[in-house]
Amino acid sequence: MDLLEQVSDALAKDVLKAVDATGDEDLVEEIKKTIGASSTTLEEAFMTAVRIRRAEARGRKQLAQLVKKKAQDLQG
């Protein structure tokens, strides 16, 4: 992983944790604007990392639901 990916992913993780803690979805947009003012490259990488992490979370949630349903079907 190169420096850009490391920095953008670390920031994305921290911002998404803050969103989870506060419920404030606007944090992503505020940070995007802040970093975009000085580095559009970091802004784009940050937003990519946010989308990837959110998609991963949705995938993991879906997987957990499917496994739970399969386990219930096998017991029932």
N, C-alpha and C. Protein backbone atom coordinates (compact mmCIF):
# COMPACT_ATOMS: atom_id res chain seq x y z
N MET A 1 0.85 -1.17 0.00
CA MET A 1 0.00 0.00 0.00
C MET A 1 0.90 1.24 0.00
N ASP A 2 0.61 2.16 -0.90
CA ASP A 2 1.44 3.36 -0.95
C ASP A 2 0.97 4.40 0.06
N LEU A 3 1.74 5.47 0.17
CA LEU A 3 1.45 6.51 1.16
C LEU A 3 0.04 7.08 1.00
N LEU A 4 -0.35 7.38 -0.22
CA LEU A 4 -1.68 7.93 -0.46
C LEU A 4 -2.77 7.00 0.06
N GLU A 5 -2.66 5.72 -0.24
CA GLU A 5 -3.66 4.76 0.22
C GLU A 5 -3.64 4.64 1.75
N GLN A 6 -2.46 4.63 2.33
CA GLN A 6 -2.35 4.52 3.78
C GLN A 6 -3.01 5.71 4.48
N VAL A 7 -2.69 6.90 4.01
CA VAL A 7 -3.22 8.11 4.63
C VAL A 7 -4.73 8.21 4.42
N SER A 8 -5.19 7.99 3.20
CA SER A 8 -6.62 8.13 2.92
C SER A 8 -7.44 7.06 3.64
N ASP A 9 -6.93 5.84 3.72
CA ASP A 9 -7.66 4.78 4.41
C ASP A 9 -7.71 5.03 5.91
N ALA A 10 -6.60 5.47 6.48
CA ALA A 10 -6.59 5.76 7.92
C ALA A 10 -7.57 6.88 8.25
N LEU A 11 -7.59 7.92 7.43
CA LEU A 11 -8.53 9.01 7.64
C LEU A 11 -9.97 8.54 7.47
N ALA A 12 -10.22 7.73 6.45
CA ALA A 12 -11.57 7.20 6.22
C ALA A 12 -12.03 6.38 7.42
N LYS A 13 -11.16 5.53 7.94
CA LYS A 13 -11.54 4.72 9.11
C LYS A 13 -11.89 5.62 10.29
N ASP A 14 -11.08 6.63 10.53
CA ASP A 14 -11.34 7.53 11.66
C ASP A 14 -12.63 8.32 11.48
N VAL A 15 -12.87 8.80 10.29
CA VAL A 15 -14.08 9.57 10.03
C VAL A 15 -15.32 8.68 10.15
N LEU A 16 -15.25 7.47 9.61
CA LEU A 16 -16.40 6.57 9.72
C LEU A 16 -16.66 6.16 11.16
N LYS A 17 -15.62 6.02 11.97
CA LYS A 17 -15.82 5.76 13.41
C LYS A 17 -16.53 6.94 14.06
N ALA A 18 -16.13 8.16 13.68
CA ALA A 18 -16.76 9.35 14.23
C ALA A 18 -18.22 9.44 13.78
N VAL A 19 -18.50 9.08 12.55
CA VAL A 19 -19.89 9.06 12.05
C VAL A 19 -20.70 8.07 12.87
N ASP A 20 -20.15 6.88 13.12
CA ASP A 20 -20.86 5.88 13.92
C ASP A 20 -21.10 6.38 15.34
N ALA A 21 -20.11 7.07 15.91
CA ALA A 21 -20.22 7.54 17.29
C ALA A 21 -21.21 8.70 17.43
N THR A 22 -21.27 9.56 16.42
CA THR A 22 -22.08 10.77 16.52
C THR A 22 -23.38 10.71 15.73
N GLY A 23 -23.43 9.83 14.73
CA GLY A 23 -24.59 9.78 13.85
C GLY A 23 -24.60 10.91 12.83
N ASP A 24 -23.52 11.67 12.77
CA ASP A 24 -23.44 12.82 11.88
C ASP A 24 -22.80 12.43 10.54
N GLU A 25 -23.64 12.15 9.55
CA GLU A 25 -23.17 11.75 8.21
C GLU A 25 -22.45 12.89 7.50
N ASP A 26 -22.71 14.12 7.92
CA ASP A 26 -22.09 15.27 7.28
C ASP A 26 -20.58 15.34 7.52
N LEU A 27 -20.08 14.60 8.48
CA LEU A 27 -18.64 14.61 8.76
C LEU A 27 -17.83 14.21 7.53
N VAL A 28 -18.31 13.22 6.79
CA VAL A 28 -17.59 12.78 5.59
C VAL A 28 -17.46 13.93 4.61
N GLU A 29 -18.54 14.63 4.37
CA GLU A 29 -18.53 15.75 3.42
C GLU A 29 -17.65 16.89 3.92
N GLU A 30 -17.70 17.17 5.22
CA GLU A 30 -16.88 18.25 5.77
C GLU A 30 -15.39 17.95 5.63
N ILE A 31 -15.01 16.72 5.92
CA ILE A 31 -13.60 16.34 5.79
C ILE A 31 -13.20 16.32 4.31
N LYS A 32 -14.09 15.85 3.46
CA LYS A 32 -13.82 15.86 2.02
C LYS A 32 -13.50 17.26 1.53
N LYS A 33 -14.32 18.23 1.93
CA LYS A 33 -14.10 19.61 1.52
C LYS A 33 -12.79 20.16 2.09
N THR A 34 -12.52 19.85 3.33
CA THR A 34 -11.30 20.34 3.98
C THR A 34 -10.05 19.85 3.27
N ILE A 35 -9.99 18.54 3.02
CA ILE A 35 -8.78 18.02 2.37
C ILE A 35 -8.77 18.35 0.89
N GLY A 36 -9.93 18.48 0.28
CA GLY A 36 -10.00 18.82 -1.14
C GLY A 36 -9.49 20.21 -1.44
N ALA A 37 -9.56 21.09 -0.44
CA ALA A 37 -9.07 22.46 -0.63
C ALA A 37 -7.56 22.50 -0.84
N SER A 38 -6.87 21.49 -0.33
CA SER A 38 -5.41 21.49 -0.50
C SER A 38 -4.89 20.33 -1.32
N SER A 39 -5.70 19.25 -1.47
CA SER A 39 -5.23 18.11 -2.25
C SER A 39 -6.42 17.34 -2.83
N THR A 40 -6.69 17.57 -4.11
CA THR A 40 -7.77 16.82 -4.74
C THR A 40 -7.42 15.34 -4.86
N THR A 41 -6.14 15.05 -4.93
CA THR A 41 -5.71 13.65 -5.00
C THR A 41 -6.07 12.92 -3.72
N LEU A 42 -5.79 13.53 -2.57
CA LEU A 42 -6.16 12.92 -1.30
C LEU A 42 -7.67 12.87 -1.14
N GLU A 43 -8.36 13.90 -1.60
CA GLU A 43 -9.82 13.92 -1.52
C GLU A 43 -10.42 12.72 -2.26
N GLU A 44 -9.96 12.48 -3.47
CA GLU A 44 -10.46 11.35 -4.26
C GLU A 44 -10.14 10.02 -3.60
N ALA A 45 -8.93 9.88 -3.10
CA ALA A 45 -8.53 8.63 -2.44
C ALA A 45 -9.33 8.42 -1.16
N PHE A 46 -9.58 9.50 -0.42
CA PHE A 46 -10.39 9.43 0.80
C PHE A 46 -11.80 8.95 0.49
N MET A 47 -12.42 9.54 -0.52
CA MET A 47 -13.79 9.15 -0.86
C MET A 47 -13.84 7.71 -1.37
N THR A 48 -12.82 7.29 -2.09
CA THR A 48 -12.75 5.89 -2.52
C THR A 48 -12.67 4.98 -1.31
N ALA A 49 -11.82 5.33 -0.35
CA ALA A 49 -11.68 4.52 0.86
C ALA A 49 -12.99 4.48 1.65
N VAL A 50 -13.69 5.60 1.73
CA VAL A 50 -14.98 5.64 2.42
C VAL A 50 -15.97 4.70 1.74
N ARG A 51 -16.05 4.77 0.41
CA ARG A 51 -16.98 3.90 -0.33
C ARG A 51 -16.62 2.43 -0.16
N ILE A 52 -15.34 2.12 -0.22
CA ILE A 52 -14.91 0.73 -0.05
C ILE A 52 -15.25 0.23 1.34
N ARG A 53 -14.96 1.02 2.35
CA ARG A 53 -15.23 0.58 3.73
C ARG A 53 -16.73 0.44 3.99
N ARG A 54 -17.53 1.32 3.43
CA ARG A 54 -18.98 1.20 3.60
C ARG A 54 -19.52 -0.03 2.86
N ALA A 55 -19.02 -0.27 1.67
CA ALA A 55 -19.44 -1.45 0.92
C ALA A 55 -19.03 -2.72 1.66
N GLU A 56 -17.83 -2.73 2.21
CA GLU A 56 -17.38 -3.90 2.98
C GLU A 56 -18.30 -4.14 4.18
N ALA A 57 -18.66 -3.06 4.88
CA ALA A 57 -19.54 -3.19 6.04
C ALA A 57 -20.90 -3.77 5.64
N ARG A 58 -21.44 -3.29 4.51
CA ARG A 58 -22.72 -3.83 4.03
C ARG A 58 -22.58 -5.31 3.67
N GLY A 59 -21.48 -5.66 3.03
CA GLY A 59 -21.24 -7.05 2.66
C GLY A 59 -21.13 -7.95 3.87
N ARG A 60 -20.40 -7.49 4.87
CA ARG A 60 -20.24 -8.29 6.09
C ARG A 60 -21.56 -8.44 6.83
N LYS A 61 -22.36 -7.38 6.86
CA LYS A 61 -23.67 -7.46 7.50
C LYS A 61 -24.56 -8.46 6.78
N GLN A 62 -24.55 -8.41 5.45
CA GLN A 62 -25.35 -9.35 4.65
C GLN A 62 -24.88 -10.78 4.89
N LEU A 63 -23.58 -10.98 4.92
CA LEU A 63 -23.04 -12.31 5.16
C LEU A 63 -23.49 -12.85 6.52
N ALA A 64 -23.42 -12.01 7.54
CA ALA A 64 -23.84 -12.44 8.88
C ALA A 64 -25.32 -12.81 8.89
N GLN A 65 -26.14 -12.04 8.19
CA GLN A 65 -27.58 -12.34 8.13
C GLN A 65 -27.83 -13.66 7.41
N LEU A 66 -27.11 -13.89 6.32
CA LEU A 66 -27.29 -15.13 5.56
C LEU A 66 -26.84 -16.35 6.36
N VAL A 67 -25.74 -16.22 7.06
CA VAL A 67 -25.25 -17.33 7.88
C VAL A 67 -26.24 -17.62 9.01
N LYS A 68 -26.75 -16.55 9.64
CA LYS A 68 -27.72 -16.72 10.71
C LYS A 68 -28.98 -17.42 10.20
N LYS A 69 -29.46 -17.01 9.03
CA LYS A 69 -30.65 -17.60 8.45
C LYS A 69 -30.41 -19.08 8.11
N LYS A 70 -29.25 -19.39 7.54
CA LYS A 70 -28.93 -20.79 7.22
C LYS A 70 -28.89 -21.64 8.48
N ALA A 71 -28.29 -21.11 9.53
CA ALA A 71 -28.21 -21.85 10.80
C ALA A 71 -29.61 -22.09 11.35
N GLN A 72 -30.48 -21.09 11.26
CA GLN A 72 -31.85 -21.26 11.74
C GLN A 72 -32.61 -22.28 10.89
N ASP A 73 -32.38 -22.25 9.58
CA ASP A 73 -33.03 -23.20 8.69
C ASP A 73 -32.60 -24.64 9.01
N LEU A 74 -31.34 -24.82 9.33
CA LEU A 74 -30.82 -26.15 9.65
C LEU A 74 -31.38 -26.65 10.98
N GLN A 75 -31.63 -25.74 11.91
CA GLN A 75 -32.18 -26.13 13.21
C GLN A 75 -33.69 -26.38 13.15
N GLY A 76 -34.34 -25.69 12.23
CA GLY A 76 -35.81 -25.71 12.18
C GLY A 76 -36.33 -26.84 11.42
